[in-house]
Amino acid sequence: MDNLEESNKNLISLRTNLITIILVLTSGIMGLIYSDIILLHKAIPLIFGIYFDVLFISNVIQINRILNKNTGGK
C-alpha cells in the first residue's frame, strides 16, 4: 500500500510540473506567433514548440488515466 501511495504522490508531482511546463511553452509559442520576426526564422522554433506542447499534454492525459486507475476512478 505504501508503494501505491508513493507512486501516486510522484505522479501528482510530475503532473504539476508538466502543467507548469505546458503553460510556459504555450505562452512562448504565442509570443513567437505575435512577434515581428520573419516567418522563416520562427518556423523551426514553432514546429518544435508545438510538438513538445502536444507531447507534454498527452503525458498529462496519460498520468491522469494512471491516477484514476490507481484511485479506483473511471
Protein backbone atom coordinates (compact mmCIF):
# COMPACT_ATOMS: atom_id res chain seq x y z
CA MET A 1 0.00 0.00 0.00
CA ASP A 2 2.87 2.39 0.73
CA ASN A 3 4.28 1.75 -2.73
CA LEU A 4 0.98 2.78 -4.37
CA GLU A 5 0.76 5.95 -2.26
CA GLU A 6 4.33 6.93 -3.11
CA SER A 7 3.67 6.23 -6.77
CA ASN A 8 0.58 8.44 -6.69
CA LYS A 9 2.48 11.25 -4.96
CA ASN A 10 5.20 11.00 -7.62
CA LEU A 11 2.63 11.07 -10.43
CA ILE A 12 0.85 14.09 -8.93
CA SER A 13 4.16 15.94 -8.64
CA LEU A 14 5.07 15.04 -12.22
CA ARG A 15 1.66 16.20 -13.45
CA THR A 16 2.04 19.52 -11.64
CA ASN A 17 5.47 20.09 -13.18
CA LEU A 18 4.21 19.17 -16.66
CA ILE A 19 1.30 21.59 -16.38
CA THR A 20 3.73 24.37 -15.50
CA ILE A 21 5.92 23.46 -18.47
CA ILE A 22 2.87 23.45 -20.76
CA LEU A 23 1.88 26.95 -19.59
CA VAL A 24 5.36 28.36 -20.19
CA LEU A 25 5.76 26.60 -23.54
CA THR A 26 2.34 27.68 -24.81
CA SER A 27 2.98 31.29 -23.84
CA GLY A 28 6.32 31.11 -25.67
CA ILE A 29 4.60 29.78 -28.77
CA MET A 30 2.04 32.58 -28.61
CA GLY A 31 4.86 35.09 -28.19
CA LEU A 32 6.53 33.77 -31.32
CA ILE A 33 3.28 33.95 -33.27
CA TYR A 34 2.74 37.60 -32.35
CA SER A 35 6.38 38.65 -32.81
CA ASP A 36 7.61 40.69 -35.75
CA ILE A 37 10.16 38.08 -36.79
CA ILE A 38 10.22 36.81 -40.37
CA LEU A 39 8.10 33.67 -40.73
CA LEU A 40 11.05 31.63 -41.98
CA HIS A 41 13.07 32.43 -38.86
CA LYS A 42 10.33 31.43 -36.44
CA ALA A 43 9.10 28.34 -38.29
CA ILE A 44 11.52 25.84 -36.73
CA PRO A 45 11.01 27.01 -33.11
CA LEU A 46 7.24 26.98 -33.71
CA ILE A 47 7.33 23.42 -35.03
CA PHE A 48 9.41 22.19 -32.09
CA GLY A 49 7.28 24.14 -29.62
CA ILE A 50 4.02 22.75 -30.92
CA TYR A 51 5.48 19.23 -30.99
CA PHE A 52 6.63 19.41 -27.36
CA ASP A 53 3.37 21.07 -26.31
CA VAL A 54 1.35 18.18 -27.75
CA LEU A 55 3.79 15.67 -26.25
CA PHE A 56 3.50 17.15 -22.75
CA ILE A 57 -0.29 17.43 -22.98
CA SER A 58 -0.51 13.76 -23.95
CA ASN A 59 1.73 12.90 -20.98
CA VAL A 60 -0.57 14.78 -18.60
CA ILE A 61 -3.58 12.91 -20.01
CA GLN A 62 -1.77 9.59 -19.57
CA ILE A 63 -0.82 10.46 -15.97
CA ASN A 64 -4.45 11.34 -15.23
CA ARG A 65 -5.55 7.94 -16.55
CA ILE A 66 -2.99 6.16 -14.37
CA LEU A 67 -4.04 8.15 -11.30
CA ASN A 68 -7.71 7.38 -11.98
CA LYS A 69 -6.87 3.69 -12.29
CA ASN A 70 -4.82 3.73 -9.06
CA THR A 71 -7.51 5.52 -7.07
CA GLY A 72 -10.37 3.40 -8.36
CA GLY A 73 -11.85 6.06 -10.63
CA LYS A 74 -13.31 5.53 -14.08
